[in-house]
């Protein structure tokens, strides 16, 4: 990650989420199945990210200048590196973005992620929970945030997430202090 990235500020757009129930929405997963987050009985961590780069696709122009945009792959790697520790805490992990399942599958395979990614191309979760997004030219994207939920209720929201390559450790620290 570049050293001089702009740090995102808390704009209050996620302040309403703690205590909210997850909506019953099915998302296509990189494992080929659909997942309804509201039906997961274990503790749940969903890190929501703008988009991941691919070696053969350029990032949007000016990407590094957008506060909080850069760092999706390092965030995925951080959750991958801490996956066993999260599992030991009886936690299910998913990543979610508005990218297609095919695009996400490339990332999951390239990085050997031990968890699945969920595609929300239609911004169903944004619409149901009023999640923060931003635009890059004509491309709408999620702002980076991480949700911790249990029995369908959001208990903790990490927003803004910075630096993204330390997000899993931040989540684990919070989980251990509950």
N, C-alpha and C. Protein backbone atom coordinates (compact mmCIF):
# COMPACT_ATOMS: atom_id res chain seq x y z
N UNK A 1 0.84 -1.17 0.00
CA UNK A 1 0.00 0.00 0.00
C UNK A 1 0.89 1.24 0.00
N UNK A 2 0.55 2.22 -0.83
CA UNK A 2 1.32 3.46 -0.84
C UNK A 2 1.25 4.17 0.51
N UNK A 3 2.32 4.86 0.87
CA UNK A 3 2.40 5.53 2.16
C UNK A 3 1.52 6.77 2.26
N UNK A 4 1.31 7.44 1.19
CA UNK A 4 0.67 8.76 1.22
C UNK A 4 -0.80 8.76 0.83
N UNK A 5 -1.52 7.70 1.16
CA UNK A 5 -2.95 7.64 0.83
C UNK A 5 -3.75 8.59 1.71
N UNK A 6 -4.78 9.24 1.14
CA UNK A 6 -5.62 10.10 1.97
C UNK A 6 -6.44 9.24 2.94
N UNK A 7 -6.52 9.69 4.17
CA UNK A 7 -7.24 8.96 5.21
C UNK A 7 -8.71 9.35 5.16
N UNK A 8 -9.61 8.34 5.09
CA UNK A 8 -11.04 8.68 5.07
C UNK A 8 -11.49 9.19 6.44
N UNK A 9 -12.49 10.05 6.43
CA UNK A 9 -13.06 10.58 7.67
C UNK A 9 -14.45 9.99 7.87
N UNK A 10 -14.86 9.91 9.11
CA UNK A 10 -16.19 9.39 9.41
C UNK A 10 -17.22 10.46 9.06
N UNK A 11 -17.98 10.20 8.01
CA UNK A 11 -19.00 11.15 7.56
C UNK A 11 -20.36 10.86 8.19
N UNK A 12 -20.42 9.91 9.11
CA UNK A 12 -21.66 9.60 9.81
C UNK A 12 -22.63 8.73 9.04
N UNK A 13 -22.26 8.32 7.82
CA UNK A 13 -23.20 7.59 6.97
C UNK A 13 -23.42 6.13 7.38
N UNK A 14 -22.68 5.66 8.38
CA UNK A 14 -22.89 4.30 8.87
C UNK A 14 -23.32 4.29 10.34
N UNK A 15 -23.55 5.45 10.92
CA UNK A 15 -23.87 5.56 12.34
C UNK A 15 -25.18 4.88 12.72
N UNK A 16 -26.06 4.72 11.79
CA UNK A 16 -27.39 4.14 12.06
C UNK A 16 -27.42 2.62 12.07
N UNK A 17 -26.31 1.97 11.72
CA UNK A 17 -26.35 0.52 11.46
C UNK A 17 -26.34 -0.36 12.70
N UNK A 18 -25.63 0.02 13.75
CA UNK A 18 -25.56 -0.86 14.93
C UNK A 18 -26.95 -1.02 15.54
N UNK A 19 -27.30 -2.29 15.80
CA UNK A 19 -28.63 -2.62 16.33
C UNK A 19 -29.66 -2.93 15.27
N UNK A 20 -29.29 -2.75 14.01
CA UNK A 20 -30.18 -3.00 12.88
C UNK A 20 -30.15 -4.47 12.50
N UNK A 21 -31.30 -5.00 12.07
CA UNK A 21 -31.36 -6.37 11.57
C UNK A 21 -30.87 -6.42 10.13
N UNK A 22 -30.13 -7.47 9.81
CA UNK A 22 -29.74 -7.70 8.42
C UNK A 22 -30.98 -8.08 7.62
N UNK A 23 -31.14 -7.52 6.44
CA UNK A 23 -32.30 -7.88 5.62
C UNK A 23 -32.15 -9.27 5.02
N UNK A 24 -33.25 -9.89 4.70
CA UNK A 24 -33.23 -11.21 4.05
C UNK A 24 -33.05 -11.00 2.55
N UNK A 25 -31.79 -11.07 2.13
CA UNK A 25 -31.42 -10.89 0.73
C UNK A 25 -30.44 -12.01 0.37
N UNK A 26 -30.63 -12.62 -0.77
CA UNK A 26 -29.71 -13.67 -1.23
C UNK A 26 -28.69 -13.06 -2.18
N UNK A 27 -27.42 -13.37 -1.91
CA UNK A 27 -26.32 -12.90 -2.74
C UNK A 27 -25.64 -14.09 -3.38
N UNK A 28 -25.23 -13.94 -4.63
CA UNK A 28 -24.47 -14.99 -5.30
C UNK A 28 -23.06 -15.01 -4.73
N UNK A 29 -22.59 -16.21 -4.41
CA UNK A 29 -21.29 -16.40 -3.79
C UNK A 29 -20.30 -16.98 -4.79
N UNK A 30 -19.03 -16.80 -4.50
CA UNK A 30 -17.98 -17.36 -5.35
C UNK A 30 -17.92 -18.88 -5.27
N UNK A 31 -18.67 -19.49 -4.35
CA UNK A 31 -18.72 -20.96 -4.32
C UNK A 31 -19.86 -21.51 -5.18
N UNK A 32 -20.58 -20.62 -5.87
CA UNK A 32 -21.66 -21.04 -6.76
C UNK A 32 -23.03 -21.11 -6.11
N UNK A 33 -23.10 -20.90 -4.82
CA UNK A 33 -24.37 -20.92 -4.10
C UNK A 33 -24.83 -19.50 -3.81
N UNK A 34 -26.01 -19.38 -3.24
CA UNK A 34 -26.47 -18.09 -2.75
C UNK A 34 -26.40 -18.08 -1.23
N UNK A 35 -26.20 -16.90 -0.68
CA UNK A 35 -26.06 -16.73 0.75
C UNK A 35 -27.01 -15.63 1.21
N UNK A 36 -27.80 -15.94 2.23
CA UNK A 36 -28.65 -14.94 2.89
C UNK A 36 -28.01 -14.66 4.24
N UNK A 37 -27.41 -13.50 4.39
CA UNK A 37 -26.67 -13.16 5.60
C UNK A 37 -27.56 -13.17 6.84
N UNK A 38 -28.83 -12.88 6.69
CA UNK A 38 -29.73 -12.82 7.84
C UNK A 38 -30.01 -14.21 8.43
N UNK A 39 -29.70 -15.26 7.68
CA UNK A 39 -29.95 -16.63 8.14
C UNK A 39 -28.74 -17.29 8.79
N UNK A 40 -27.62 -16.62 8.85
CA UNK A 40 -26.41 -17.22 9.42
C UNK A 40 -26.52 -17.19 10.94
N UNK A 41 -26.37 -18.36 11.54
CA UNK A 41 -26.56 -18.50 12.99
C UNK A 41 -25.30 -18.21 13.79
N UNK A 42 -24.14 -18.29 13.18
CA UNK A 42 -22.89 -18.00 13.87
C UNK A 42 -22.64 -16.49 13.84
N UNK A 43 -21.62 -16.09 14.58
CA UNK A 43 -21.18 -14.71 14.48
C UNK A 43 -20.71 -14.49 13.05
N UNK A 44 -20.97 -13.33 12.52
CA UNK A 44 -20.73 -13.04 11.11
C UNK A 44 -19.91 -11.77 10.97
N UNK A 45 -18.89 -11.83 10.12
CA UNK A 45 -18.13 -10.65 9.74
C UNK A 45 -18.25 -10.51 8.23
N UNK A 46 -18.73 -9.36 7.80
CA UNK A 46 -18.81 -9.04 6.37
C UNK A 46 -18.02 -7.77 6.14
N UNK A 47 -16.93 -7.90 5.40
CA UNK A 47 -16.20 -6.69 5.04
C UNK A 47 -16.66 -6.29 3.64
N UNK A 48 -17.09 -5.06 3.55
CA UNK A 48 -17.66 -4.51 2.31
C UNK A 48 -16.62 -3.57 1.73
N UNK A 49 -16.33 -3.76 0.47
CA UNK A 49 -15.23 -3.03 -0.15
C UNK A 49 -15.64 -2.48 -1.52
N UNK A 50 -14.94 -1.44 -2.00
CA UNK A 50 -15.31 -0.82 -3.28
C UNK A 50 -15.08 -1.73 -4.49
N UNK A 51 -13.84 -2.10 -4.73
CA UNK A 51 -13.53 -3.00 -5.84
C UNK A 51 -12.10 -3.47 -5.71
N UNK A 52 -11.86 -4.64 -6.21
CA UNK A 52 -10.49 -5.15 -6.21
C UNK A 52 -9.91 -5.01 -7.61
N UNK A 53 -8.64 -4.72 -7.65
CA UNK A 53 -7.97 -4.64 -8.94
C UNK A 53 -7.62 -6.03 -9.45
N UNK A 54 -7.37 -6.08 -10.72
CA UNK A 54 -6.88 -7.30 -11.37
C UNK A 54 -5.64 -6.93 -12.16
N UNK A 55 -4.74 -7.88 -12.33
CA UNK A 55 -3.52 -7.58 -13.07
C UNK A 55 -3.79 -7.07 -14.50
N UNK A 56 -4.91 -7.50 -15.10
CA UNK A 56 -5.19 -7.14 -16.49
C UNK A 56 -6.20 -6.00 -16.66
N UNK A 57 -6.61 -5.37 -15.54
CA UNK A 57 -7.61 -4.29 -15.59
C UNK A 57 -7.09 -3.10 -14.80
N UNK A 58 -7.06 -1.94 -15.43
CA UNK A 58 -6.58 -0.72 -14.75
C UNK A 58 -7.61 -0.24 -13.74
N UNK A 59 -7.11 0.29 -12.63
CA UNK A 59 -7.99 0.92 -11.65
C UNK A 59 -8.51 2.23 -12.24
N UNK A 60 -9.64 2.73 -11.74
CA UNK A 60 -10.15 4.01 -12.25
C UNK A 60 -9.11 5.12 -12.08
N UNK A 61 -9.13 6.06 -12.99
CA UNK A 61 -8.22 7.21 -12.95
C UNK A 61 -8.43 7.96 -11.64
N UNK A 62 -7.34 8.27 -10.95
CA UNK A 62 -7.41 9.02 -9.70
C UNK A 62 -7.77 8.17 -8.49
N UNK A 63 -7.74 6.85 -8.63
CA UNK A 63 -8.16 5.94 -7.56
C UNK A 63 -7.44 6.21 -6.24
N UNK A 64 -6.14 6.40 -6.29
CA UNK A 64 -5.37 6.59 -5.05
C UNK A 64 -5.70 7.89 -4.34
N UNK A 65 -6.30 8.85 -5.03
CA UNK A 65 -6.64 10.14 -4.42
C UNK A 65 -7.99 10.11 -3.69
N UNK A 66 -8.75 9.04 -3.86
CA UNK A 66 -10.07 8.93 -3.22
C UNK A 66 -9.86 8.35 -1.82
N UNK A 67 -10.22 9.08 -0.76
CA UNK A 67 -10.02 8.57 0.59
C UNK A 67 -10.76 7.24 0.81
N UNK A 68 -10.01 6.22 1.23
CA UNK A 68 -10.60 4.93 1.53
C UNK A 68 -10.78 3.99 0.36
N UNK A 69 -10.46 4.43 -0.85
CA UNK A 69 -10.68 3.57 -2.02
C UNK A 69 -9.61 2.48 -2.13
N UNK A 70 -8.38 2.85 -1.97
CA UNK A 70 -7.27 1.92 -2.17
C UNK A 70 -7.15 0.93 -1.01
N UNK A 71 -6.86 -0.33 -1.32
CA UNK A 71 -6.57 -1.28 -0.26
C UNK A 71 -7.48 -2.50 -0.21
N UNK A 72 -8.25 -2.75 -1.24
CA UNK A 72 -9.18 -3.88 -1.21
C UNK A 72 -8.45 -5.22 -1.19
N UNK A 73 -7.42 -5.37 -2.00
CA UNK A 73 -6.66 -6.62 -2.00
C UNK A 73 -5.91 -6.80 -0.68
N UNK A 74 -5.23 -5.77 -0.15
CA UNK A 74 -4.60 -5.93 1.16
C UNK A 74 -5.61 -6.27 2.27
N UNK A 75 -6.81 -5.73 2.19
CA UNK A 75 -7.84 -6.04 3.18
C UNK A 75 -8.24 -7.52 3.07
N UNK A 76 -8.43 -8.00 1.84
CA UNK A 76 -8.76 -9.41 1.63
C UNK A 76 -7.65 -10.30 2.16
N UNK A 77 -6.40 -9.92 1.91
CA UNK A 77 -5.26 -10.71 2.40
C UNK A 77 -5.21 -10.69 3.92
N UNK A 78 -5.54 -9.57 4.54
CA UNK A 78 -5.54 -9.49 5.99
C UNK A 78 -6.58 -10.45 6.58
N UNK A 79 -7.78 -10.48 6.00
CA UNK A 79 -8.80 -11.43 6.47
C UNK A 79 -8.38 -12.87 6.19
N UNK A 80 -7.71 -13.10 5.10
CA UNK A 80 -7.20 -14.43 4.80
C UNK A 80 -6.14 -14.85 5.82
N UNK A 81 -5.21 -13.95 6.13
CA UNK A 81 -4.14 -14.24 7.08
C UNK A 81 -4.67 -14.51 8.49
N UNK A 82 -5.80 -13.89 8.85
CA UNK A 82 -6.39 -14.05 10.18
C UNK A 82 -7.59 -14.99 10.18
N UNK A 83 -7.81 -15.68 9.08
CA UNK A 83 -9.02 -16.50 8.95
C UNK A 83 -9.13 -17.57 10.03
N UNK A 84 -8.07 -18.29 10.31
CA UNK A 84 -8.14 -19.36 11.31
C UNK A 84 -8.45 -18.79 12.69
N UNK A 85 -7.90 -17.64 13.00
CA UNK A 85 -8.19 -17.00 14.28
C UNK A 85 -9.65 -16.57 14.36
N UNK A 86 -10.19 -16.07 13.27
CA UNK A 86 -11.60 -15.70 13.23
C UNK A 86 -12.49 -16.93 13.36
N UNK A 87 -12.11 -18.02 12.69
CA UNK A 87 -12.88 -19.27 12.80
C UNK A 87 -12.85 -19.79 14.23
N UNK A 88 -11.70 -19.67 14.91
CA UNK A 88 -11.59 -20.11 16.30
C UNK A 88 -12.50 -19.29 17.21
N UNK A 89 -12.86 -18.10 16.78
CA UNK A 89 -13.80 -17.25 17.51
C UNK A 89 -15.25 -17.50 17.06
N UNK A 90 -15.47 -18.64 16.38
CA UNK A 90 -16.79 -19.04 15.91
C UNK A 90 -17.43 -17.99 14.99
N UNK A 91 -16.60 -17.51 14.06
CA UNK A 91 -17.01 -16.43 13.17
C UNK A 91 -16.97 -16.88 11.71
N UNK A 92 -18.03 -16.55 10.99
CA UNK A 92 -18.11 -16.77 9.54
C UNK A 92 -17.70 -15.47 8.87
N UNK A 93 -16.87 -15.55 7.83
CA UNK A 93 -16.35 -14.36 7.15
C UNK A 93 -16.78 -14.36 5.69
N UNK A 94 -17.23 -13.20 5.22
CA UNK A 94 -17.50 -12.96 3.80
C UNK A 94 -16.97 -11.59 3.43
N UNK A 95 -16.55 -11.46 2.18
CA UNK A 95 -16.30 -10.16 1.59
C UNK A 95 -17.47 -9.87 0.66
N UNK A 96 -17.83 -8.61 0.49
CA UNK A 96 -18.96 -8.23 -0.37
C UNK A 96 -18.61 -6.97 -1.13
N UNK A 97 -18.90 -6.98 -2.43
CA UNK A 97 -18.72 -5.79 -3.26
C UNK A 97 -19.79 -5.80 -4.34
N UNK A 98 -19.78 -4.76 -5.14
CA UNK A 98 -20.73 -4.68 -6.26
C UNK A 98 -20.16 -5.30 -7.53
N UNK A 99 -18.98 -5.89 -7.44
CA UNK A 99 -18.39 -6.54 -8.60
C UNK A 99 -19.10 -7.87 -8.88
N UNK A 100 -19.00 -8.32 -10.11
CA UNK A 100 -19.64 -9.58 -10.51
C UNK A 100 -18.97 -10.77 -9.82
N UNK A 101 -19.70 -11.85 -9.72
CA UNK A 101 -19.16 -13.07 -9.14
C UNK A 101 -17.96 -13.57 -9.94
N UNK A 102 -18.02 -13.47 -11.26
CA UNK A 102 -16.89 -13.90 -12.09
C UNK A 102 -15.64 -13.08 -11.76
N UNK A 103 -15.80 -11.78 -11.60
CA UNK A 103 -14.67 -10.91 -11.26
C UNK A 103 -14.13 -11.28 -9.88
N UNK A 104 -15.03 -11.49 -8.93
CA UNK A 104 -14.62 -11.85 -7.57
C UNK A 104 -13.95 -13.23 -7.54
N UNK A 105 -14.42 -14.15 -8.35
CA UNK A 105 -13.84 -15.50 -8.38
C UNK A 105 -12.38 -15.46 -8.80
N UNK A 106 -12.05 -14.58 -9.73
CA UNK A 106 -10.65 -14.43 -10.14
C UNK A 106 -9.80 -14.04 -8.94
N UNK A 107 -10.28 -13.10 -8.14
CA UNK A 107 -9.54 -12.66 -6.96
C UNK A 107 -9.43 -13.79 -5.94
N UNK A 108 -10.53 -14.46 -5.66
CA UNK A 108 -10.53 -15.56 -4.69
C UNK A 108 -9.51 -16.62 -5.08
N UNK A 109 -9.49 -16.97 -6.37
CA UNK A 109 -8.55 -17.99 -6.85
C UNK A 109 -7.10 -17.49 -6.84
N UNK A 110 -6.90 -16.25 -7.28
CA UNK A 110 -5.54 -15.70 -7.35
C UNK A 110 -4.92 -15.56 -5.97
N UNK A 111 -5.72 -15.15 -4.99
CA UNK A 111 -5.20 -14.94 -3.63
C UNK A 111 -5.39 -16.15 -2.73
N UNK A 112 -6.04 -17.19 -3.24
CA UNK A 112 -6.30 -18.41 -2.45
C UNK A 112 -7.05 -18.07 -1.16
N UNK A 113 -8.10 -17.26 -1.29
CA UNK A 113 -8.87 -16.85 -0.12
C UNK A 113 -9.63 -18.06 0.45
N UNK A 114 -9.61 -18.25 1.77
CA UNK A 114 -10.28 -19.39 2.39
C UNK A 114 -11.77 -19.14 2.66
N UNK A 115 -12.26 -17.98 2.30
CA UNK A 115 -13.67 -17.62 2.49
C UNK A 115 -14.22 -17.15 1.15
N UNK A 116 -15.54 -17.05 1.08
CA UNK A 116 -16.19 -16.66 -0.17
C UNK A 116 -16.47 -15.17 -0.21
N UNK A 117 -16.61 -14.68 -1.43
CA UNK A 117 -16.98 -13.30 -1.70
C UNK A 117 -18.40 -13.29 -2.23
N UNK A 118 -19.14 -12.25 -1.90
CA UNK A 118 -20.54 -12.11 -2.31
C UNK A 118 -20.69 -10.93 -3.25
N UNK A 119 -21.47 -11.15 -4.29
CA UNK A 119 -21.69 -10.11 -5.29
C UNK A 119 -23.03 -9.42 -5.04
N UNK A 120 -22.99 -8.09 -4.99
CA UNK A 120 -24.19 -7.27 -4.85
C UNK A 120 -24.20 -6.22 -5.96
N UNK A 121 -24.26 -6.71 -7.19
CA UNK A 121 -24.24 -5.83 -8.37
C UNK A 121 -25.40 -4.84 -8.39
N UNK A 122 -26.50 -5.22 -7.77
CA UNK A 122 -27.69 -4.36 -7.79
C UNK A 122 -27.82 -3.48 -6.55
N UNK A 123 -26.82 -3.48 -5.70
CA UNK A 123 -26.80 -2.67 -4.49
C UNK A 123 -28.02 -2.91 -3.60
N UNK A 124 -28.41 -4.17 -3.49
CA UNK A 124 -29.56 -4.52 -2.66
C UNK A 124 -29.30 -4.23 -1.18
N UNK A 125 -28.08 -4.51 -0.73
CA UNK A 125 -27.75 -4.25 0.67
C UNK A 125 -27.70 -2.74 0.94
N UNK A 126 -27.17 -1.99 0.01
CA UNK A 126 -27.15 -0.52 0.15
C UNK A 126 -28.57 0.00 0.28
N UNK A 127 -29.45 -0.49 -0.59
CA UNK A 127 -30.82 0.00 -0.57
C UNK A 127 -31.55 -0.39 0.71
N UNK A 128 -31.30 -1.59 1.22
CA UNK A 128 -32.00 -2.08 2.41
C UNK A 128 -31.47 -1.43 3.69
N UNK A 129 -30.18 -1.16 3.75
CA UNK A 129 -29.57 -0.64 4.98
C UNK A 129 -29.08 0.80 4.86
N UNK A 130 -29.27 1.40 3.70
CA UNK A 130 -28.79 2.77 3.46
C UNK A 130 -27.28 2.86 3.70
N UNK A 131 -26.55 1.95 3.03
CA UNK A 131 -25.09 1.91 3.18
C UNK A 131 -24.43 3.01 2.36
N UNK A 132 -23.30 3.49 2.81
CA UNK A 132 -22.61 4.55 2.08
C UNK A 132 -21.93 4.04 0.80
N UNK A 133 -22.05 4.83 -0.24
CA UNK A 133 -21.43 4.54 -1.53
C UNK A 133 -20.78 5.82 -2.06
N UNK A 134 -20.04 5.66 -3.14
CA UNK A 134 -19.46 6.82 -3.82
C UNK A 134 -19.42 6.50 -5.31
N UNK A 135 -19.17 7.52 -6.11
CA UNK A 135 -19.10 7.34 -7.56
C UNK A 135 -17.72 7.74 -8.07
N UNK A 136 -17.25 6.95 -9.03
CA UNK A 136 -16.05 7.28 -9.78
C UNK A 136 -16.52 7.32 -11.23
N UNK A 137 -16.60 8.54 -11.75
CA UNK A 137 -17.21 8.75 -13.07
C UNK A 137 -18.62 8.19 -13.03
N UNK A 138 -18.94 7.18 -13.81
CA UNK A 138 -20.29 6.60 -13.83
C UNK A 138 -20.40 5.34 -12.98
N UNK A 139 -19.32 4.95 -12.34
CA UNK A 139 -19.27 3.70 -11.59
C UNK A 139 -19.61 3.94 -10.11
N UNK A 140 -20.72 3.34 -9.65
CA UNK A 140 -21.10 3.41 -8.25
C UNK A 140 -20.40 2.28 -7.49
N UNK A 141 -19.89 2.60 -6.31
CA UNK A 141 -19.14 1.62 -5.51
C UNK A 141 -19.48 1.81 -4.03
N UNK A 142 -19.35 0.71 -3.29
CA UNK A 142 -19.50 0.78 -1.84
C UNK A 142 -18.32 1.50 -1.22
N UNK A 143 -18.58 2.27 -0.15
CA UNK A 143 -17.50 2.75 0.69
C UNK A 143 -17.11 1.57 1.59
N UNK A 144 -15.86 1.51 1.96
CA UNK A 144 -15.35 0.40 2.76
C UNK A 144 -15.90 0.46 4.18
N UNK A 145 -16.52 -0.64 4.60
CA UNK A 145 -16.95 -0.78 5.99
C UNK A 145 -17.01 -2.26 6.33
N UNK A 146 -16.96 -2.56 7.61
CA UNK A 146 -17.03 -3.95 8.06
C UNK A 146 -18.11 -4.06 9.12
N UNK A 147 -18.94 -5.08 8.94
CA UNK A 147 -20.07 -5.34 9.83
C UNK A 147 -19.79 -6.61 10.63
N UNK A 148 -20.06 -6.55 11.93
CA UNK A 148 -20.06 -7.75 12.76
C UNK A 148 -21.50 -7.94 13.22
N UNK A 149 -22.05 -9.13 12.96
CA UNK A 149 -23.45 -9.40 13.32
C UNK A 149 -23.55 -10.75 14.00
N UNK A 150 -24.62 -10.90 14.75
CA UNK A 150 -24.91 -12.18 15.39
C UNK A 150 -26.42 -12.36 15.41
N UNK A 151 -26.86 -13.54 14.98
CA UNK A 151 -28.28 -13.86 14.89
C UNK A 151 -29.05 -12.80 14.10
N UNK A 152 -28.43 -12.29 13.06
CA UNK A 152 -29.08 -11.34 12.17
C UNK A 152 -29.07 -9.90 12.60
N UNK A 153 -28.44 -9.58 13.74
CA UNK A 153 -28.40 -8.21 14.24
C UNK A 153 -26.98 -7.67 14.14
N UNK A 154 -26.84 -6.48 13.58
CA UNK A 154 -25.54 -5.83 13.47
C UNK A 154 -25.14 -5.31 14.85
N UNK A 155 -24.02 -5.84 15.37
CA UNK A 155 -23.53 -5.45 16.70
C UNK A 155 -22.44 -4.40 16.66
N UNK A 156 -21.67 -4.40 15.57
CA UNK A 156 -20.53 -3.47 15.47
C UNK A 156 -20.30 -3.14 14.01
N UNK A 157 -19.95 -1.88 13.77
CA UNK A 157 -19.60 -1.42 12.43
C UNK A 157 -18.25 -0.72 12.51
N UNK A 158 -17.34 -1.14 11.67
CA UNK A 158 -16.05 -0.46 11.53
C UNK A 158 -16.17 0.44 10.31
N UNK A 159 -16.15 1.76 10.56
CA UNK A 159 -16.31 2.73 9.48
C UNK A 159 -15.80 4.07 9.96
N UNK A 160 -14.98 4.73 9.20
CA UNK A 160 -14.31 4.20 8.02
C UNK A 160 -13.25 3.18 8.43
N UNK A 161 -12.85 2.37 7.49
CA UNK A 161 -11.83 1.35 7.72
C UNK A 161 -10.51 1.89 7.16
N UNK A 162 -9.55 2.08 8.07
CA UNK A 162 -8.23 2.53 7.63
C UNK A 162 -7.23 2.23 8.73
N UNK A 163 -6.11 1.70 8.41
CA UNK A 163 -5.74 1.16 7.10
C UNK A 163 -6.43 -0.19 6.86
N UNK A 164 -6.82 -0.45 5.64
CA UNK A 164 -7.57 -1.68 5.34
C UNK A 164 -6.78 -2.96 5.60
N UNK A 165 -5.46 -2.89 5.51
CA UNK A 165 -4.66 -4.10 5.73
C UNK A 165 -4.50 -4.45 7.21
N UNK A 166 -5.19 -3.72 8.08
CA UNK A 166 -5.21 -4.04 9.52
C UNK A 166 -6.62 -4.27 10.03
N UNK A 167 -7.59 -4.32 9.13
CA UNK A 167 -8.99 -4.43 9.52
C UNK A 167 -9.31 -5.73 10.25
N UNK A 168 -8.80 -6.85 9.77
CA UNK A 168 -9.09 -8.13 10.42
C UNK A 168 -8.57 -8.14 11.85
N UNK A 169 -7.39 -7.61 12.07
CA UNK A 169 -6.84 -7.54 13.42
C UNK A 169 -7.70 -6.65 14.31
N UNK A 170 -8.22 -5.55 13.77
CA UNK A 170 -9.11 -4.67 14.52
C UNK A 170 -10.39 -5.42 14.91
N UNK A 171 -10.93 -6.19 13.98
CA UNK A 171 -12.14 -6.97 14.25
C UNK A 171 -11.87 -8.01 15.34
N UNK A 172 -10.75 -8.71 15.23
CA UNK A 172 -10.41 -9.72 16.23
C UNK A 172 -10.25 -9.10 17.61
N UNK A 173 -9.58 -7.96 17.69
CA UNK A 173 -9.44 -7.27 18.98
C UNK A 173 -10.80 -6.96 19.58
N UNK A 174 -11.71 -6.46 18.74
CA UNK A 174 -13.05 -6.14 19.23
C UNK A 174 -13.78 -7.40 19.68
N UNK A 175 -13.71 -8.47 18.90
CA UNK A 175 -14.39 -9.72 19.25
C UNK A 175 -13.87 -10.29 20.57
N UNK A 176 -12.58 -10.22 20.79
CA UNK A 176 -11.99 -10.78 22.01
C UNK A 176 -12.38 -9.96 23.25
N UNK A 177 -12.75 -8.73 23.08
CA UNK A 177 -13.12 -7.87 24.21
C UNK A 177 -14.62 -7.82 24.45
N UNK A 178 -15.37 -8.69 23.82
CA UNK A 178 -16.83 -8.73 24.01
C UNK A 178 -17.21 -9.69 25.09
